Amino acid sequence: MSENSRIKLFGWEEGMQKVNLTLLQRYEFNIPLGIAKRNVDKLLNDEEVYLEFSDLEETLSFIEKAKNLGVSSITIM
């Protein structure tokens, strides 16, 4: 895996925990609040969201948490 890899988030399930997903992005990826909120808004508008990561283990943990919060599709690129 390259030094900088990405994941793609797409889609959401009814009841998605928007606030918790926003906070999860902030803490796991150190994303500013405004950008994290925009990412959630993009998901709600059926747009793709891309996040960069360097640690696969931490990213797998993020993926599991994000799916539990209501993101329907996450792909490692």
N, C-alpha and C. Protein backbone atom coordinates (compact mmCIF):
# COMPACT_ATOMS: atom_id res chain seq x y z
N MET A 1 0.85 -1.18 0.00
CA MET A 1 0.00 0.00 0.00
C MET A 1 0.89 1.24 0.00
N SER A 2 0.51 2.23 -0.79
CA SER A 2 1.31 3.44 -0.89
C SER A 2 1.24 4.24 0.41
N GLU A 3 2.14 5.21 0.49
CA GLU A 3 2.21 6.02 1.70
C GLU A 3 0.90 6.79 1.93
N ASN A 4 0.33 7.36 0.87
CA ASN A 4 -0.94 8.07 0.98
C ASN A 4 -1.99 7.30 0.19
N SER A 5 -2.94 6.75 0.90
CA SER A 5 -4.02 6.02 0.27
C SER A 5 -5.33 6.73 0.61
N ARG A 6 -6.41 6.31 -0.05
CA ARG A 6 -7.68 6.96 0.17
C ARG A 6 -8.78 5.94 0.40
N ILE A 7 -9.82 6.42 1.05
CA ILE A 7 -11.05 5.65 1.14
C ILE A 7 -12.16 6.51 0.54
N LYS A 8 -13.14 5.82 -0.03
CA LYS A 8 -14.30 6.50 -0.60
C LYS A 8 -15.52 6.12 0.21
N LEU A 9 -16.24 7.12 0.68
CA LEU A 9 -17.51 6.92 1.38
C LEU A 9 -18.62 7.31 0.43
N PHE A 10 -19.68 6.50 0.41
CA PHE A 10 -20.82 6.81 -0.43
C PHE A 10 -22.08 6.20 0.16
N GLY A 11 -23.12 6.97 0.16
CA GLY A 11 -24.42 6.47 0.60
C GLY A 11 -24.58 6.51 2.10
N TRP A 12 -25.85 6.46 2.49
CA TRP A 12 -26.17 6.52 3.91
C TRP A 12 -27.44 5.73 4.15
N GLU A 13 -27.55 5.27 5.38
CA GLU A 13 -28.72 4.51 5.80
C GLU A 13 -29.62 5.43 6.63
N GLU A 14 -30.91 5.15 6.61
CA GLU A 14 -31.83 5.93 7.41
C GLU A 14 -31.40 5.87 8.88
N GLY A 15 -31.42 7.02 9.51
CA GLY A 15 -30.99 7.09 10.91
C GLY A 15 -29.50 7.32 11.07
N MET A 16 -28.81 7.64 9.97
CA MET A 16 -27.37 7.89 10.07
C MET A 16 -27.10 8.92 11.16
N GLN A 17 -26.13 8.65 11.99
CA GLN A 17 -25.78 9.53 13.11
C GLN A 17 -24.82 10.61 12.61
N LYS A 18 -25.41 11.70 12.09
CA LYS A 18 -24.65 12.75 11.42
C LYS A 18 -23.64 13.44 12.34
N VAL A 19 -24.06 13.78 13.52
CA VAL A 19 -23.16 14.48 14.44
C VAL A 19 -21.99 13.57 14.82
N ASN A 20 -22.29 12.32 15.14
CA ASN A 20 -21.22 11.39 15.53
C ASN A 20 -20.28 11.11 14.36
N LEU A 21 -20.80 11.06 13.14
CA LEU A 21 -19.95 10.85 11.98
C LEU A 21 -19.05 12.07 11.75
N THR A 22 -19.59 13.25 11.97
CA THR A 22 -18.78 14.47 11.86
C THR A 22 -17.64 14.44 12.87
N LEU A 23 -17.97 14.12 14.11
CA LEU A 23 -16.94 14.06 15.16
C LEU A 23 -15.92 12.96 14.90
N LEU A 24 -16.39 11.83 14.40
CA LEU A 24 -15.47 10.73 14.10
C LEU A 24 -14.42 11.16 13.08
N GLN A 25 -14.83 11.87 12.04
CA GLN A 25 -13.87 12.35 11.04
C GLN A 25 -12.87 13.32 11.67
N ARG A 26 -13.37 14.18 12.54
CA ARG A 26 -12.49 15.16 13.19
C ARG A 26 -11.41 14.46 14.00
N TYR A 27 -11.81 13.47 14.78
CA TYR A 27 -10.85 12.83 15.68
C TYR A 27 -9.97 11.81 14.98
N GLU A 28 -10.51 11.07 14.03
CA GLU A 28 -9.73 10.02 13.37
C GLU A 28 -8.83 10.57 12.27
N PHE A 29 -9.28 11.63 11.57
CA PHE A 29 -8.53 12.16 10.43
C PHE A 29 -8.05 13.59 10.65
N ASN A 30 -8.34 14.15 11.83
CA ASN A 30 -7.91 15.51 12.16
C ASN A 30 -8.42 16.52 11.14
N ILE A 31 -9.69 16.38 10.76
CA ILE A 31 -10.33 17.25 9.77
C ILE A 31 -11.02 18.39 10.51
N PRO A 32 -10.92 19.61 10.01
CA PRO A 32 -11.65 20.73 10.63
C PRO A 32 -13.16 20.48 10.63
N LEU A 33 -13.83 21.04 11.61
CA LEU A 33 -15.26 20.83 11.78
C LEU A 33 -16.06 21.15 10.52
N GLY A 34 -15.78 22.27 9.89
CA GLY A 34 -16.52 22.67 8.70
C GLY A 34 -16.41 21.67 7.57
N ILE A 35 -15.22 21.14 7.36
CA ILE A 35 -15.01 20.16 6.29
C ILE A 35 -15.68 18.85 6.64
N ALA A 36 -15.59 18.43 7.90
CA ALA A 36 -16.23 17.19 8.32
C ALA A 36 -17.75 17.28 8.13
N LYS A 37 -18.32 18.43 8.47
CA LYS A 37 -19.76 18.63 8.29
C LYS A 37 -20.13 18.61 6.80
N ARG A 38 -19.31 19.27 5.97
CA ARG A 38 -19.56 19.26 4.52
C ARG A 38 -19.51 17.84 3.96
N ASN A 39 -18.59 17.03 4.48
CA ASN A 39 -18.52 15.63 4.04
C ASN A 39 -19.81 14.89 4.34
N VAL A 40 -20.36 15.11 5.52
CA VAL A 40 -21.63 14.47 5.89
C VAL A 40 -22.74 14.98 4.98
N ASP A 41 -22.76 16.28 4.72
CA ASP A 41 -23.77 16.84 3.81
C ASP A 41 -23.65 16.24 2.42
N LYS A 42 -22.41 16.03 1.95
CA LYS A 42 -22.22 15.39 0.64
C LYS A 42 -22.82 13.99 0.62
N LEU A 43 -22.58 13.22 1.68
CA LEU A 43 -23.16 11.88 1.74
C LEU A 43 -24.67 11.95 1.65
N LEU A 44 -25.27 12.89 2.37
CA LEU A 44 -26.73 13.03 2.37
C LEU A 44 -27.26 13.45 1.00
N ASN A 45 -26.40 14.07 0.18
CA ASN A 45 -26.77 14.47 -1.18
C ASN A 45 -26.33 13.44 -2.22
N ASP A 46 -26.00 12.23 -1.75
CA ASP A 46 -25.57 11.14 -2.63
C ASP A 46 -24.33 11.47 -3.45
N GLU A 47 -23.41 12.20 -2.82
CA GLU A 47 -22.12 12.50 -3.43
C GLU A 47 -21.06 11.65 -2.74
N GLU A 48 -19.97 11.38 -3.46
CA GLU A 48 -18.86 10.62 -2.89
C GLU A 48 -17.98 11.52 -2.04
N VAL A 49 -17.42 10.94 -0.99
CA VAL A 49 -16.48 11.64 -0.10
C VAL A 49 -15.19 10.83 -0.07
N TYR A 50 -14.07 11.51 -0.24
CA TYR A 50 -12.76 10.86 -0.21
C TYR A 50 -11.97 11.37 0.99
N LEU A 51 -11.35 10.43 1.71
CA LEU A 51 -10.48 10.77 2.84
C LEU A 51 -9.14 10.09 2.63
N GLU A 52 -8.06 10.80 2.91
CA GLU A 52 -6.72 10.23 2.79
C GLU A 52 -6.27 9.66 4.13
N PHE A 53 -5.50 8.58 4.06
CA PHE A 53 -4.97 7.98 5.28
C PHE A 53 -3.60 7.41 5.02
N SER A 54 -2.86 7.19 6.10
CA SER A 54 -1.54 6.58 5.98
C SER A 54 -1.42 5.31 6.82
N ASP A 55 -2.31 5.13 7.79
CA ASP A 55 -2.24 3.96 8.66
C ASP A 55 -3.45 3.06 8.39
N LEU A 56 -3.20 1.90 7.80
CA LEU A 56 -4.28 1.01 7.40
C LEU A 56 -5.08 0.51 8.60
N GLU A 57 -4.41 0.16 9.68
CA GLU A 57 -5.10 -0.37 10.87
C GLU A 57 -6.08 0.65 11.44
N GLU A 58 -5.64 1.91 11.57
CA GLU A 58 -6.53 2.96 12.06
C GLU A 58 -7.69 3.20 11.10
N THR A 59 -7.42 3.10 9.82
CA THR A 59 -8.46 3.31 8.82
C THR A 59 -9.50 2.20 8.86
N LEU A 60 -9.07 0.97 9.06
CA LEU A 60 -10.03 -0.13 9.18
C LEU A 60 -10.92 0.07 10.39
N SER A 61 -10.37 0.60 11.46
CA SER A 61 -11.17 0.92 12.64
C SER A 61 -12.18 2.02 12.31
N PHE A 62 -11.75 3.05 11.57
CA PHE A 62 -12.65 4.12 11.16
C PHE A 62 -13.79 3.56 10.30
N ILE A 63 -13.47 2.68 9.37
CA ILE A 63 -14.47 2.10 8.48
C ILE A 63 -15.55 1.38 9.28
N GLU A 64 -15.14 0.58 10.22
CA GLU A 64 -16.10 -0.15 11.06
C GLU A 64 -17.00 0.82 11.82
N LYS A 65 -16.41 1.84 12.40
CA LYS A 65 -17.19 2.82 13.17
C LYS A 65 -18.14 3.59 12.26
N ALA A 66 -17.66 4.00 11.08
CA ALA A 66 -18.50 4.77 10.15
C ALA A 66 -19.68 3.94 9.66
N LYS A 67 -19.46 2.67 9.41
CA LYS A 67 -20.57 1.81 9.00
C LYS A 67 -21.59 1.67 10.12
N ASN A 68 -21.10 1.57 11.35
CA ASN A 68 -22.02 1.49 12.49
C ASN A 68 -22.82 2.77 12.68
N LEU A 69 -22.29 3.90 12.19
CA LEU A 69 -22.99 5.17 12.29
C LEU A 69 -23.95 5.42 11.13
N GLY A 70 -23.89 4.56 10.11
CA GLY A 70 -24.87 4.67 9.04
C GLY A 70 -24.34 4.96 7.65
N VAL A 71 -23.03 4.94 7.45
CA VAL A 71 -22.49 5.07 6.09
C VAL A 71 -22.68 3.72 5.41
N SER A 72 -23.28 3.72 4.22
CA SER A 72 -23.63 2.43 3.62
C SER A 72 -22.52 1.80 2.78
N SER A 73 -21.61 2.60 2.23
CA SER A 73 -20.57 2.02 1.37
C SER A 73 -19.24 2.73 1.60
N ILE A 74 -18.21 1.94 1.91
CA ILE A 74 -16.86 2.49 2.09
C ILE A 74 -15.90 1.58 1.35
N THR A 75 -15.07 2.19 0.50
CA THR A 75 -14.13 1.44 -0.31
C THR A 75 -12.72 1.96 -0.07
N ILE A 76 -11.77 1.05 0.12
CA ILE A 76 -10.36 1.42 0.21
C ILE A 76 -9.83 1.47 -1.22
N MET A 77 -9.16 2.57 -1.52
CA MET A 77 -8.67 2.77 -2.89
C MET A 77 -7.16 2.65 -2.95
